């Protein structure tokens, strides 16, 4: 059931991507913000990272008795992020623009 929900989310991301041109995906709302293409790149990279972390967790019981932070608990209880602008780490400024719209779609499909 959880896997179906995950796959549905990936499908939703792909469908949402289809409505934008490559130029729109690369446009930044402000000089200091990320483009939608960079956001998609971030989603792909971080999703792949967390899938790797899930594999590690499934193979060990390290930290299994520790409790989640209050913020993490809220995220899980609400099954969403808060409805607020989230400022990322300074390293997020290094997220490259996507090579193409097709590249983003292919990376989402690979997930």
C-alpha atoms as a PDB file:
ATOM      1  CA  UNK A   1       0.000   0.000   0.000  1.00  0.00           C
ATOM      2  CA  UNK A   2       2.776   2.462   0.923  1.00  0.00           C
ATOM      3  CA  UNK A   3       4.630   1.633  -2.301  1.00  0.00           C
ATOM      4  CA  UNK A   4       1.490   2.391  -4.333  1.00  0.00           C
ATOM      5  CA  UNK A   5       1.211   5.766  -2.619  1.00  0.00           C
ATOM      6  CA  UNK A   6       4.884   6.476  -3.316  1.00  0.00           C
ATOM      7  CA  UNK A   7       4.495   5.540  -6.991  1.00  0.00           C
ATOM      8  CA  UNK A   8       1.379   7.708  -7.199  1.00  0.00           C
ATOM      9  CA  UNK A   9       3.401  10.659  -5.889  1.00  0.00           C
ATOM     10  CA  UNK A  10       6.133  10.104  -8.500  1.00  0.00           C
ATOM     11  CA  UNK A  11       3.439   9.916 -11.182  1.00  0.00           C
ATOM     12  CA  UNK A  12       1.939  13.158  -9.891  1.00  0.00           C
ATOM     13  CA  UNK A  13       5.358  14.857 -10.098  1.00  0.00           C
ATOM     14  CA  UNK A  14       5.777  13.666 -13.701  1.00  0.00           C
ATOM     15  CA  UNK A  15       2.282  14.825 -14.696  1.00  0.00           C
ATOM     16  CA  UNK A  16       2.841  18.224 -13.093  1.00  0.00           C
ATOM     17  CA  UNK A  17       6.143  18.569 -14.952  1.00  0.00           C
ATOM     18  CA  UNK A  18       4.421  18.120 -18.321  1.00  0.00           C
ATOM     19  CA  UNK A  19       2.617  21.469 -18.099  1.00  0.00           C
ATOM     20  CA  UNK A  20       5.845  23.499 -18.180  1.00  0.00           C
ATOM     21  CA  UNK A  21       8.208  24.350 -21.002  1.00  0.00           C
ATOM     22  CA  UNK A  22      11.923  23.868 -20.422  1.00  0.00           C
ATOM     23  CA  UNK A  23      12.332  27.647 -20.340  1.00  0.00           C
ATOM     24  CA  UNK A  24       9.693  27.914 -17.603  1.00  0.00           C
ATOM     25  CA  UNK A  25      11.413  25.166 -15.624  1.00  0.00           C
ATOM     26  CA  UNK A  26      14.696  27.089 -15.684  1.00  0.00           C
ATOM     27  CA  UNK A  27      13.228  30.493 -14.772  1.00  0.00           C
ATOM     28  CA  UNK A  28      13.949  31.728 -11.252  1.00  0.00           C
ATOM     29  CA  UNK A  29      11.282  33.839  -9.525  1.00  0.00           C
ATOM     30  CA  UNK A  30      14.048  35.871  -7.864  1.00  0.00           C
ATOM     31  CA  UNK A  31      17.830  35.816  -8.260  1.00  0.00           C
ATOM     32  CA  UNK A  32      18.261  34.192  -4.830  1.00  0.00           C
ATOM     33  CA  UNK A  33      15.630  31.500  -5.298  1.00  0.00           C
ATOM     34  CA  UNK A  34      15.650  28.194  -7.134  1.00  0.00           C
ATOM     35  CA  UNK A  35      13.933  27.465 -10.408  1.00  0.00           C
ATOM     36  CA  UNK A  36      11.275  24.781 -10.655  1.00  0.00           C
ATOM     37  CA  UNK A  37      13.815  22.686 -12.580  1.00  0.00           C
ATOM     38  CA  UNK A  38      16.248  22.982  -9.690  1.00  0.00           C
ATOM     39  CA  UNK A  39      13.459  21.986  -7.308  1.00  0.00           C
ATOM     40  CA  UNK A  40      12.810  18.865  -9.394  1.00  0.00           C
ATOM     41  CA  UNK A  41      16.536  18.088  -9.432  1.00  0.00           C
ATOM     42  CA  UNK A  42      16.534  18.448  -5.638  1.00  0.00           C
ATOM     43  CA  UNK A  43      13.502  16.120  -5.345  1.00  0.00           C
ATOM     44  CA  UNK A  44      15.193  13.459  -7.477  1.00  0.00           C
ATOM     45  CA  UNK A  45      18.536  13.698  -5.674  1.00  0.00           C
ATOM     46  CA  UNK A  46      17.047  13.695  -2.193  1.00  0.00           C
ATOM     47  CA  UNK A  47      14.568  10.915  -2.982  1.00  0.00           C
ATOM     48  CA  UNK A  48      17.431   8.732  -4.192  1.00  0.00           C
ATOM     49  CA  UNK A  49      19.406   9.606  -1.054  1.00  0.00           C
ATOM     50  CA  UNK A  50      16.527   8.682   1.263  1.00  0.00           C
ATOM     51  CA  UNK A  51      15.845   5.446  -0.596  1.00  0.00           C
ATOM     52  CA  UNK A  52      19.469   4.574   0.135  1.00  0.00           C
ATOM     53  CA  UNK A  53      18.929   5.451   3.790  1.00  0.00           C
ATOM     54  CA  UNK A  54      15.838   3.225   3.893  1.00  0.00           C
ATOM     55  CA  UNK A  55      17.905   0.325   2.576  1.00  0.00           C
ATOM     56  CA  UNK A  56      20.466   0.891   5.335  1.00  0.00           C
ATOM     57  CA  UNK A  57      17.730   1.029   7.997  1.00  0.00           C
ATOM     58  CA  UNK A  58      16.147  -2.175   6.742  1.00  0.00           C
ATOM     59  CA  UNK A  59      19.471  -3.941   7.165  1.00  0.00           C
ATOM     60  CA  UNK A  60      20.203  -2.846  10.741  1.00  0.00           C
ATOM     61  CA  UNK A  61      18.554  -1.894  14.009  1.00  0.00           C
ATOM     62  CA  UNK A  62      20.895   0.980  14.851  1.00  0.00           C
ATOM     63  CA  UNK A  63      19.018   3.850  16.497  1.00  0.00           C
ATOM     64  CA  UNK A  64      15.751   1.865  16.466  1.00  0.00           C
ATOM     65  CA  UNK A  65      14.947   2.888  20.026  1.00  0.00           C
ATOM     66  CA  UNK A  66      15.505   6.595  19.449  1.00  0.00           C
ATOM     67  CA  UNK A  67      12.603   8.987  19.117  1.00  0.00           C
ATOM     68  CA  UNK A  68      11.955  11.335  16.194  1.00  0.00           C
ATOM     69  CA  UNK A  69      12.319  15.077  16.734  1.00  0.00           C
ATOM     70  CA  UNK A  70       9.110  17.032  17.415  1.00  0.00           C
ATOM     71  CA  UNK A  71       9.355  18.626  13.947  1.00  0.00           C
ATOM     72  CA  UNK A  72       9.700  15.215  12.281  1.00  0.00           C
ATOM     73  CA  UNK A  73       6.754  13.877  14.276  1.00  0.00           C
ATOM     74  CA  UNK A  74       4.612  16.755  13.035  1.00  0.00           C
ATOM     75  CA  UNK A  75       5.646  16.109   9.436  1.00  0.00           C
ATOM     76  CA  UNK A  76       4.720  12.441   9.716  1.00  0.00           C
ATOM     77  CA  UNK A  77       1.435  13.107  11.528  1.00  0.00           C
ATOM     78  CA  UNK A  78       0.378  15.645   8.890  1.00  0.00           C
ATOM     79  CA  UNK A  79       1.930  13.673   6.017  1.00  0.00           C
ATOM     80  CA  UNK A  80       3.190  16.976   4.623  1.00  0.00           C
ATOM     81  CA  UNK A  81       5.506  19.906   5.079  1.00  0.00           C
ATOM     82  CA  UNK A  82       4.168  23.058   6.722  1.00  0.00           C
ATOM     83  CA  UNK A  83       2.529  25.569   4.395  1.00  0.00           C
ATOM     84  CA  UNK A  84       5.446  27.962   4.588  1.00  0.00           C
ATOM     85  CA  UNK A  85       8.516  28.937   2.631  1.00  0.00           C
ATOM     86  CA  UNK A  86      11.395  26.694   3.654  1.00  0.00           C
ATOM     87  CA  UNK A  87      14.849  28.130   3.321  1.00  0.00           C
ATOM     88  CA  UNK A  88      17.323  25.474   2.326  1.00  0.00           C
ATOM     89  CA  UNK A  89      20.946  25.070   3.249  1.00  0.00           C
ATOM     90  CA  UNK A  90      23.474  27.346   1.519  1.00  0.00           C
ATOM     91  CA  UNK A  91      24.676  24.274  -0.418  1.00  0.00           C
ATOM     92  CA  UNK A  92      21.300  24.270  -2.196  1.00  0.00           C
ATOM     93  CA  UNK A  93      22.572  27.212  -4.232  1.00  0.00           C
ATOM     94  CA  UNK A  94      24.821  24.680  -5.973  1.00  0.00           C
ATOM     95  CA  UNK A  95      21.897  22.672  -7.370  1.00  0.00           C
ATOM     96  CA  UNK A  96      22.335  22.815 -11.148  1.00  0.00           C
ATOM     97  CA  UNK A  97      19.651  23.586 -13.672  1.00  0.00           C
ATOM     98  CA  UNK A  98      18.357  20.401 -15.341  1.00  0.00           C
ATOM     99  CA  UNK A  99      19.943  19.357 -18.632  1.00  0.00           C
ATOM    100  CA  UNK A 100      16.506  19.040 -20.228  1.00  0.00           C
ATOM    101  CA  UNK A 101      12.885  18.362 -19.398  1.00  0.00           C
ATOM    102  CA  UNK A 102      13.317  14.806 -20.699  1.00  0.00           C
ATOM    103  CA  UNK A 103      16.242  14.307 -18.328  1.00  0.00           C
ATOM    104  CA  UNK A 104      14.013  15.200 -15.371  1.00  0.00           C
ATOM    105  CA  UNK A 105      11.277  12.825 -16.540  1.00  0.00           C
ATOM    106  CA  UNK A 106      13.798   9.981 -17.035  1.00  0.00           C
ATOM    107  CA  UNK A 107      15.240  10.510 -13.550  1.00  0.00           C
ATOM    108  CA  UNK A 108      11.768  10.466 -12.013  1.00  0.00           C
ATOM    109  CA  UNK A 109      10.898   7.271 -13.867  1.00  0.00           C
ATOM    110  CA  UNK A 110      14.130   5.658 -12.614  1.00  0.00           C
ATOM    111  CA  UNK A 111      13.080   6.281  -9.020  1.00  0.00           C
END
